[in-house]
Amino acid sequence: MDLAALIVGLLALGAAGTAWRMSRRAGRAEAEVARLRQELVAERHAAAHDPLTGLPNRRAFYQLGAALVADPARQPLIAVVLDLDDFKQINDRLGHAAGDEVLITVARRFAEYAGDNLVARLGGDEFAGLLTVPALDDAWLGCAARDLADTLAAPMIASGHPVTLTASVGLVPVRDHHDLAEALRHADAAMYRAKSGGYGVSTRTLRPSHAARHATHHATHPAGWFARHATASRQLADST
């Protein structure tokens, strides 16, 4: 082998080695970028979601909900605030692990009831939602509140113990002049009226005569309607 061929071979070998090292460095850089991107997505998700239930948290709810309420082209909306009755007794009797299981179950049931509408855990045992509706009709809304309360009150198992609890639900239409904070104040007031056995569109305010009229004149049932007519609100929350 002559000297020129040897030099060419060594140069080619060196170039191949350099290319291999550069390729490895590029691969490591790409992997690092992908890892950092995943960490950023995880951090954004954690910043916008409740770590226990996986629902959007208070911050995300107000951010997304304000945009929904302010949208001039939106469908009719109802604001929902719900609070579990005597939830402290679950923690006291069965422990906080059982209480966490109850909150997770309630969150899942609320989310399934609402379809893809925006629901969130505001904190503790308080949840909220913004749900699209076919019409702002008192009988329909009253039936929706009762359906939601019945859904949440179904028996469940927590830490191996059967648990049945009720929820007070405040449910009000979002009027054109409302902002999100005002709509939630009205829903919160309706929830406390329900908790004290008062009247209004909420868990315990639907008179049997209203329910009968609803069954006769409203073929669209709230729970099924929410499941079929979902918005993209939760998808927006998931991407926040």
C-alpha atoms as a PDB file:
ATOM      1  CA  MET A   1       0.000   0.000   0.000  1.00  0.00           C
ATOM      2  CA  ASP A   2       1.450   3.320  -1.014  1.00  0.00           C
ATOM      3  CA  LEU A   3       1.675   6.257   1.321  1.00  0.00           C
ATOM      4  CA  ALA A   4      -1.021   8.282  -0.458  1.00  0.00           C
ATOM      5  CA  ALA A   5      -3.568   5.509  -0.165  1.00  0.00           C
ATOM      6  CA  LEU A   6      -2.715   5.091   3.516  1.00  0.00           C
ATOM      7  CA  ILE A   7      -3.166   8.788   4.164  1.00  0.00           C
ATOM      8  CA  VAL A   8      -6.505   8.799   2.308  1.00  0.00           C
ATOM      9  CA  GLY A   9      -7.636   5.795   4.309  1.00  0.00           C
ATOM     10  CA  LEU A  10      -6.659   7.394   7.596  1.00  0.00           C
ATOM     11  CA  LEU A  11      -8.379  10.624   6.651  1.00  0.00           C
ATOM     12  CA  ALA A  12     -11.533   8.732   5.692  1.00  0.00           C
ATOM     13  CA  LEU A  13     -11.420   6.801   8.942  1.00  0.00           C
ATOM     14  CA  GLY A  14     -10.970  10.013  10.896  1.00  0.00           C
ATOM     15  CA  ALA A  15     -13.861  11.663   9.047  1.00  0.00           C
ATOM     16  CA  ALA A  16     -16.060   8.655   9.747  1.00  0.00           C
ATOM     17  CA  GLY A  17     -15.146   8.789  13.416  1.00  0.00           C
ATOM     18  CA  THR A  18     -15.868  12.512  13.546  1.00  0.00           C
ATOM     19  CA  ALA A  19     -19.226  12.014  11.829  1.00  0.00           C
ATOM     20  CA  TRP A  20     -20.090   9.210  14.268  1.00  0.00           C
ATOM     21  CA  ARG A  21     -19.232  11.387  17.278  1.00  0.00           C
ATOM     22  CA  MET A  22     -21.211  14.296  15.867  1.00  0.00           C
ATOM     23  CA  SER A  23     -24.155  11.999  15.213  1.00  0.00           C
ATOM     24  CA  ARG A  24     -24.035  10.767  18.815  1.00  0.00           C
ATOM     25  CA  ARG A  25     -23.864  14.324  20.124  1.00  0.00           C
ATOM     26  CA  ALA A  26     -26.805  15.321  17.923  1.00  0.00           C
ATOM     27  CA  GLY A  27     -28.770  12.329  19.189  1.00  0.00           C
ATOM     28  CA  ARG A  28     -28.020  13.226  22.797  1.00  0.00           C
ATOM     29  CA  ALA A  29     -29.005  16.840  22.129  1.00  0.00           C
ATOM     30  CA  GLU A  30     -32.292  15.758  20.545  1.00  0.00           C
ATOM     31  CA  ALA A  31     -33.001  13.448  23.475  1.00  0.00           C
ATOM     32  CA  GLU A  32     -32.277  16.282  25.912  1.00  0.00           C
ATOM     33  CA  VAL A  33     -34.576  18.644  24.010  1.00  0.00           C
ATOM     34  CA  ALA A  34     -37.327  16.002  24.048  1.00  0.00           C
ATOM     35  CA  ARG A  35     -36.831  15.477  27.793  1.00  0.00           C
ATOM     36  CA  LEU A  36     -36.998  19.202  28.492  1.00  0.00           C
ATOM     37  CA  ARG A  37     -40.098  19.502  26.324  1.00  0.00           C
ATOM     38  CA  GLN A  38     -41.790  16.684  28.251  1.00  0.00           C
ATOM     39  CA  GLU A  39     -40.843  18.328  31.539  1.00  0.00           C
ATOM     40  CA  LEU A  40     -42.315  21.631  30.330  1.00  0.00           C
ATOM     41  CA  VAL A  41     -45.562  19.928  29.295  1.00  0.00           C
ATOM     42  CA  ALA A  42     -45.723  18.160  32.664  1.00  0.00           C
ATOM     43  CA  GLU A  43     -45.070  21.398  34.531  1.00  0.00           C
ATOM     44  CA  ARG A  44     -47.765  23.226  32.564  1.00  0.00           C
ATOM     45  CA  HIS A  45     -50.209  20.400  33.208  1.00  0.00           C
ATOM     46  CA  ALA A  46     -49.384  20.375  36.920  1.00  0.00           C
ATOM     47  CA  ALA A  47     -49.805  24.147  37.122  1.00  0.00           C
ATOM     48  CA  ALA A  48     -53.309  23.923  35.643  1.00  0.00           C
ATOM     49  CA  HIS A  49     -54.656  20.733  37.242  1.00  0.00           C
ATOM     50  CA  ASP A  50     -55.581  19.503  40.683  1.00  0.00           C
ATOM     51  CA  PRO A  51     -53.030  16.826  41.615  1.00  0.00           C
ATOM     52  CA  LEU A  52     -55.574  14.600  43.396  1.00  0.00           C
ATOM     53  CA  THR A  53     -58.494  14.474  40.966  1.00  0.00           C
ATOM     54  CA  GLY A  54     -56.829  15.469  37.707  1.00  0.00           C
ATOM     55  CA  LEU A  55     -59.499  18.110  37.067  1.00  0.00           C
ATOM     56  CA  PRO A  56     -58.553  21.653  36.109  1.00  0.00           C
ATOM     57  CA  ASN A  57     -57.739  23.670  39.214  1.00  0.00           C
ATOM     58  CA  ARG A  58     -59.149  27.020  40.319  1.00  0.00           C
ATOM     59  CA  ARG A  59     -56.641  29.013  38.290  1.00  0.00           C
ATOM     60  CA  ALA A  60     -57.316  27.114  35.063  1.00  0.00           C
ATOM     61  CA  PHE A  61     -61.077  27.203  35.644  1.00  0.00           C
ATOM     62  CA  TYR A  62     -61.124  30.977  35.957  1.00  0.00           C
ATOM     63  CA  GLN A  63     -58.842  31.388  32.961  1.00  0.00           C
ATOM     64  CA  LEU A  64     -60.815  29.107  30.635  1.00  0.00           C
ATOM     65  CA  GLY A  65     -64.214  29.951  32.108  1.00  0.00           C
ATOM     66  CA  ALA A  66     -63.753  33.684  31.660  1.00  0.00           C
ATOM     67  CA  ALA A  67     -63.057  33.130  27.962  1.00  0.00           C
ATOM     68  CA  LEU A  68     -66.144  30.932  27.590  1.00  0.00           C
ATOM     69  CA  VAL A  69     -68.453  33.408  29.318  1.00  0.00           C
ATOM     70  CA  ALA A  70     -67.096  36.354  27.332  1.00  0.00           C
ATOM     71  CA  ASP A  71     -67.480  34.624  23.955  1.00  0.00           C
ATOM     72  CA  PRO A  72     -70.318  36.432  22.111  1.00  0.00           C
ATOM     73  CA  ALA A  73     -70.948  33.376  19.931  1.00  0.00           C
ATOM     74  CA  ARG A  74     -71.247  30.922  22.815  1.00  0.00           C
ATOM     75  CA  GLN A  75     -74.158  28.579  23.432  1.00  0.00           C
ATOM     76  CA  PRO A  76     -76.308  29.142  26.533  1.00  0.00           C
ATOM     77  CA  LEU A  77     -74.305  28.286  29.656  1.00  0.00           C
ATOM     78  CA  ILE A  78     -75.123  27.337  33.214  1.00  0.00           C
ATOM     79  CA  ALA A  79     -72.746  27.876  36.105  1.00  0.00           C
ATOM     80  CA  VAL A  80     -72.604  25.043  38.628  1.00  0.00           C
ATOM     81  CA  VAL A  81     -71.170  25.079  42.132  1.00  0.00           C
ATOM     82  CA  LEU A  82     -71.384  21.940  44.249  1.00  0.00           C
ATOM     83  CA  ASP A  83     -70.290  21.205  47.784  1.00  0.00           C
ATOM     84  CA  LEU A  84     -70.300  17.821  49.524  1.00  0.00           C
ATOM     85  CA  ASP A  85     -72.509  17.649  52.611  1.00  0.00           C
ATOM     86  CA  ASP A  86     -70.798  16.697  55.880  1.00  0.00           C
ATOM     87  CA  PHE A  87     -67.635  15.677  54.060  1.00  0.00           C
ATOM     88  CA  LYS A  88     -65.568  16.251  57.203  1.00  0.00           C
ATOM     89  CA  GLN A  89     -67.233  13.219  58.775  1.00  0.00           C
ATOM     90  CA  ILE A  90     -65.688  10.998  56.088  1.00  0.00           C
ATOM     91  CA  ASN A  91     -62.202  12.175  57.040  1.00  0.00           C
ATOM     92  CA  ASP A  92     -62.957  11.930  60.750  1.00  0.00           C
ATOM     93  CA  ARG A  93     -64.500   8.444  60.647  1.00  0.00           C
ATOM     94  CA  LEU A  94     -62.568   6.729  57.857  1.00  0.00           C
ATOM     95  CA  GLY A  95     -59.387   8.773  57.478  1.00  0.00           C
ATOM     96  CA  HIS A  96     -58.028  11.148  54.899  1.00  0.00           C
ATOM     97  CA  ALA A  97     -57.180   8.374  52.442  1.00  0.00           C
ATOM     98  CA  ALA A  98     -60.875   7.491  52.290  1.00  0.00           C
ATOM     99  CA  GLY A  99     -61.718  11.158  51.915  1.00  0.00           C
ATOM    100  CA  ASP A 100     -59.343  11.386  48.966  1.00  0.00           C
ATOM    101  CA  GLU A 101     -61.020   8.383  47.334  1.00  0.00           C
ATOM    102  CA  VAL A 102     -64.403  10.042  47.750  1.00  0.00           C
ATOM    103  CA  LEU A 103     -63.143  13.253  46.122  1.00  0.00           C
ATOM    104  CA  ILE A 104     -61.674  11.295  43.210  1.00  0.00           C
ATOM    105  CA  THR A 105     -64.970   9.447  42.699  1.00  0.00           C
ATOM    106  CA  VAL A 106     -67.006  12.657  42.890  1.00  0.00           C
ATOM    107  CA  ALA A 107     -64.672  14.327  40.388  1.00  0.00           C
ATOM    108  CA  ARG A 108     -65.015  11.412  37.979  1.00  0.00           C
ATOM    109  CA  ARG A 109     -68.795  11.355  38.263  1.00  0.00           C
ATOM    110  CA  PHE A 110     -69.066  15.111  37.799  1.00  0.00           C
ATOM    111  CA  ALA A 111     -66.788  14.992  34.753  1.00  0.00           C
ATOM    112  CA  GLU A 112     -68.697  12.079  33.201  1.00  0.00           C
ATOM    113  CA  TYR A 113     -71.998  13.846  33.802  1.00  0.00           C
ATOM    114  CA  ALA A 114     -70.744  17.043  32.168  1.00  0.00           C
ATOM    115  CA  GLY A 115     -69.277  15.392  29.076  1.00  0.00           C
ATOM    116  CA  ASP A 116     -66.466  17.562  27.720  1.00  0.00           C
ATOM    117  CA  ASN A 117     -67.775  20.707  29.351  1.00  0.00           C
ATOM    118  CA  LEU A 118     -65.495  22.580  31.738  1.00  0.00           C
ATOM    119  CA  VAL A 119     -65.504  21.255  35.306  1.00  0.00           C
ATOM    120  CA  ALA A 120     -62.930  21.877  38.023  1.00  0.00           C
ATOM    121  CA  ARG A 121     -62.068  21.298  41.635  1.00  0.00           C
ATOM    122  CA  LEU A 122     -61.902  24.710  43.278  1.00  0.00           C
ATOM    123  CA  GLY A 123     -60.459  23.308  46.510  1.00  0.00           C
ATOM    124  CA  GLY A 124     -61.424  21.052  49.403  1.00  0.00           C
ATOM    125  CA  ASP A 125     -64.793  19.457  48.631  1.00  0.00           C
ATOM    126  CA  GLU A 126     -65.969  22.293  46.363  1.00  0.00           C
ATOM    127  CA  PHE A 127     -66.308  21.823  42.606  1.00  0.00           C
ATOM    128  CA  ALA A 128     -67.538  24.079  39.814  1.00  0.00           C
ATOM    129  CA  GLY A 129     -68.500  23.820  36.184  1.00  0.00           C
ATOM    130  CA  LEU A 130     -69.683  25.677  33.111  1.00  0.00           C
ATOM    131  CA  LEU A 131     -72.054  23.553  31.051  1.00  0.00           C
ATOM    132  CA  THR A 132     -73.701  24.245  27.729  1.00  0.00           C
ATOM    133  CA  VAL A 133     -77.475  23.766  27.682  1.00  0.00           C
ATOM    134  CA  PRO A 134     -80.150  23.623  24.964  1.00  0.00           C
ATOM    135  CA  ALA A 135     -82.189  26.453  26.559  1.00  0.00           C
ATOM    136  CA  LEU A 136     -82.336  28.474  29.755  1.00  0.00           C
ATOM    137  CA  ASP A 137     -85.525  26.830  30.988  1.00  0.00           C
ATOM    138  CA  ASP A 138     -86.162  26.640  34.744  1.00  0.00           C
ATOM    139  CA  ALA A 139     -87.754  23.187  34.632  1.00  0.00           C
ATOM    140  CA  TRP A 140     -84.914  21.756  32.542  1.00  0.00           C
ATOM    141  CA  LEU A 141     -82.295  23.371  34.769  1.00  0.00           C
ATOM    142  CA  GLY A 142     -84.008  22.111  37.894  1.00  0.00           C
ATOM    143  CA  CYS A 143     -84.046  18.606  36.497  1.00  0.00           C
ATOM    144  CA  ALA A 144     -80.354  18.936  35.595  1.00  0.00           C
ATOM    145  CA  ALA A 145     -79.524  19.908  39.184  1.00  0.00           C
ATOM    146  CA  ARG A 146     -81.454  16.949  40.570  1.00  0.00           C
ATOM    147  CA  ASP A 147     -79.847  14.551  38.085  1.00  0.00           C
ATOM    148  CA  LEU A 148     -76.394  15.763  39.052  1.00  0.00           C
ATOM    149  CA  ALA A 149     -77.131  15.466  42.766  1.00  0.00           C
ATOM    150  CA  ASP A 150     -78.489  11.925  42.274  1.00  0.00           C
ATOM    151  CA  THR A 151     -75.402  10.988  40.241  1.00  0.00           C
ATOM    152  CA  LEU A 152     -73.097  12.161  43.015  1.00  0.00           C
ATOM    153  CA  ALA A 153     -75.173  10.516  45.758  1.00  0.00           C
ATOM    154  CA  ALA A 154     -74.884   6.988  44.356  1.00  0.00           C
ATOM    155  CA  PRO A 155     -73.170   4.630  46.868  1.00  0.00           C
ATOM    156  CA  MET A 156     -69.412   4.231  46.554  1.00  0.00           C
ATOM    157  CA  ILE A 157     -66.581   2.337  48.251  1.00  0.00           C
ATOM    158  CA  ALA A 158     -63.788   4.239  50.018  1.00  0.00           C
ATOM    159  CA  SER A 159     -60.942   2.391  51.770  1.00  0.00           C
ATOM    160  CA  GLY A 160     -63.077  -0.733  51.705  1.00  0.00           C
ATOM    161  CA  HIS A 161     -66.060   0.955  53.360  1.00  0.00           C
ATOM    162  CA  PRO A 162     -69.435   1.663  51.737  1.00  0.00           C
ATOM    163  CA  VAL A 163     -70.024   5.411  51.622  1.00  0.00           C
ATOM    164  CA  THR A 164     -73.119   7.367  50.673  1.00  0.00           C
ATOM    165  CA  LEU A 165     -73.059  11.144  50.786  1.00  0.00           C
ATOM    166  CA  THR A 166     -75.083  13.960  49.296  1.00  0.00           C
ATOM    167  CA  ALA A 167     -74.062  17.139  47.533  1.00  0.00           C
ATOM    168  CA  SER A 168     -75.658  20.556  47.542  1.00  0.00           C
ATOM    169  CA  VAL A 169     -75.742  21.891  44.000  1.00  0.00           C
ATOM    170  CA  GLY A 170     -76.261  25.486  42.946  1.00  0.00           C
ATOM    171  CA  LEU A 171     -77.091  25.846  39.289  1.00  0.00           C
ATOM    172  CA  VAL A 172     -77.885  29.149  37.548  1.00  0.00           C
ATOM    173  CA  PRO A 173     -78.009  30.394  33.960  1.00  0.00           C
ATOM    174  CA  VAL A 174     -75.142  32.594  32.804  1.00  0.00           C
ATOM    175  CA  ARG A 175     -76.767  35.786  31.539  1.00  0.00           C
ATOM    176  CA  ASP A 176     -75.278  37.991  28.833  1.00  0.00           C
ATOM    177  CA  HIS A 177     -74.398  40.693  31.358  1.00  0.00           C
ATOM    178  CA  HIS A 178     -72.600  38.270  33.685  1.00  0.00           C
ATOM    179  CA  ASP A 179     -68.882  37.814  33.965  1.00  0.00           C
ATOM    180  CA  LEU A 180     -67.569  34.541  35.363  1.00  0.00           C
ATOM    181  CA  ALA A 181     -67.153  35.815  38.921  1.00  0.00           C
ATOM    182  CA  GLU A 182     -70.719  37.117  39.019  1.00  0.00           C
ATOM    183  CA  ALA A 183     -72.151  33.899  37.585  1.00  0.00           C
ATOM    184  CA  LEU A 184     -70.282  31.867  40.194  1.00  0.00           C
ATOM    185  CA  ARG A 185     -71.506  34.138  42.997  1.00  0.00           C
ATOM    186  CA  HIS A 186     -75.082  33.423  41.949  1.00  0.00           C
ATOM    187  CA  ALA A 187     -74.389  29.690  41.686  1.00  0.00           C
ATOM    188  CA  ASP A 188     -72.686  29.725  45.082  1.00  0.00           C
ATOM    189  CA  ALA A 189     -75.693  31.478  46.636  1.00  0.00           C
ATOM    190  CA  ALA A 190     -78.014  28.898  45.063  1.00  0.00           C
ATOM    191  CA  MET A 191     -75.827  26.128  46.464  1.00  0.00           C
ATOM    192  CA  TYR A 192     -76.135  27.535  49.992  1.00  0.00           C
ATOM    193  CA  ARG A 193     -79.907  27.870  49.541  1.00  0.00           C
ATOM    194  CA  ALA A 194     -79.959  24.206  48.553  1.00  0.00           C
ATOM    195  CA  LYS A 195     -77.867  23.271  51.577  1.00  0.00           C
ATOM    196  CA  SER A 196     -80.306  25.055  53.891  1.00  0.00           C
ATOM    197  CA  GLY A 197     -83.377  23.637  52.135  1.00  0.00           C
ATOM    198  CA  GLY A 198     -84.365  26.897  50.460  1.00  0.00           C
ATOM    199  CA  TYR A 199     -85.770  27.489  46.988  1.00  0.00           C
ATOM    200  CA  GLY A 200     -84.181  28.235  43.649  1.00  0.00           C
ATOM    201  CA  VAL A 201     -82.732  26.217  40.806  1.00  0.00           C
ATOM    202  CA  SER A 202     -80.530  23.852  42.786  1.00  0.00           C
ATOM    203  CA  THR A 203     -80.366  20.338  44.210  1.00  0.00           C
ATOM    204  CA  ARG A 204     -83.282  20.533  46.621  1.00  0.00           C
ATOM    205  CA  THR A 205     -85.526  23.082  45.003  1.00  0.00           C
ATOM    206  CA  LEU A 206     -87.233  21.184  42.206  1.00  0.00           C
ATOM    207  CA  ARG A 207     -90.855  20.624  43.131  1.00  0.00           C
ATOM    208  CA  PRO A 208     -92.416  17.309  41.994  1.00  0.00           C
ATOM    209  CA  SER A 209     -94.834  19.193  39.765  1.00  0.00           C
ATOM    210  CA  HIS A 210     -91.882  20.695  37.892  1.00  0.00           C
ATOM    211  CA  ALA A 211     -90.332  17.271  37.479  1.00  0.00           C
ATOM    212  CA  ALA A 212     -93.603  15.922  36.103  1.00  0.00           C
ATOM    213  CA  ARG A 213     -93.909  18.809  33.643  1.00  0.00           C
ATOM    214  CA  HIS A 214     -90.331  18.254  32.598  1.00  0.00           C
ATOM    215  CA  ALA A 215     -90.974  14.571  31.913  1.00  0.00           C
ATOM    216  CA  THR A 216     -94.053  15.442  29.863  1.00  0.00           C
ATOM    217  CA  HIS A 217     -92.815  18.436  27.880  1.00  0.00           C
ATOM    218  CA  HIS A 218     -89.038  18.007  27.660  1.00  0.00           C
ATOM    219  CA  ALA A 219     -87.879  14.945  25.774  1.00  0.00           C
ATOM    220  CA  THR A 220     -84.211  15.930  26.074  1.00  0.00           C
ATOM    221  CA  HIS A 221     -82.860  14.596  29.366  1.00  0.00           C
ATOM    222  CA  PRO A 222     -80.060  16.680  30.916  1.00  0.00           C
ATOM    223  CA  ALA A 223     -77.550  13.919  31.667  1.00  0.00           C
ATOM    224  CA  GLY A 224     -77.785  12.467  28.186  1.00  0.00           C
ATOM    225  CA  TRP A 225     -77.732  15.896  26.573  1.00  0.00           C
ATOM    226  CA  PHE A 226     -74.469  16.871  28.259  1.00  0.00           C
ATOM    227  CA  ALA A 227     -72.843  13.645  27.110  1.00  0.00           C
ATOM    228  CA  ARG A 228     -73.969  14.125  23.495  1.00  0.00           C
ATOM    229  CA  HIS A 229     -73.406  17.878  23.171  1.00  0.00           C
ATOM    230  CA  ALA A 230     -69.908  18.355  24.542  1.00  0.00           C
ATOM    231  CA  THR A 231     -67.703  21.402  24.117  1.00  0.00           C
ATOM    232  CA  ALA A 232     -63.942  21.443  23.721  1.00  0.00           C
ATOM    233  CA  SER A 233     -63.409  23.171  27.067  1.00  0.00           C
ATOM    234  CA  ARG A 234     -61.751  20.236  28.845  1.00  0.00           C
ATOM    235  CA  GLN A 235     -59.484  19.686  25.834  1.00  0.00           C
ATOM    236  CA  LEU A 236     -58.396  23.307  26.171  1.00  0.00           C
ATOM    237  CA  ALA A 237     -57.764  22.746  29.857  1.00  0.00           C
ATOM    238  CA  ASP A 238     -55.675  19.653  29.105  1.00  0.00           C
ATOM    239  CA  SER A 239     -53.500  21.658  26.731  1.00  0.00           C
ATOM    240  CA  THR A 240     -52.986  24.512  29.175  1.00  0.00           C
END
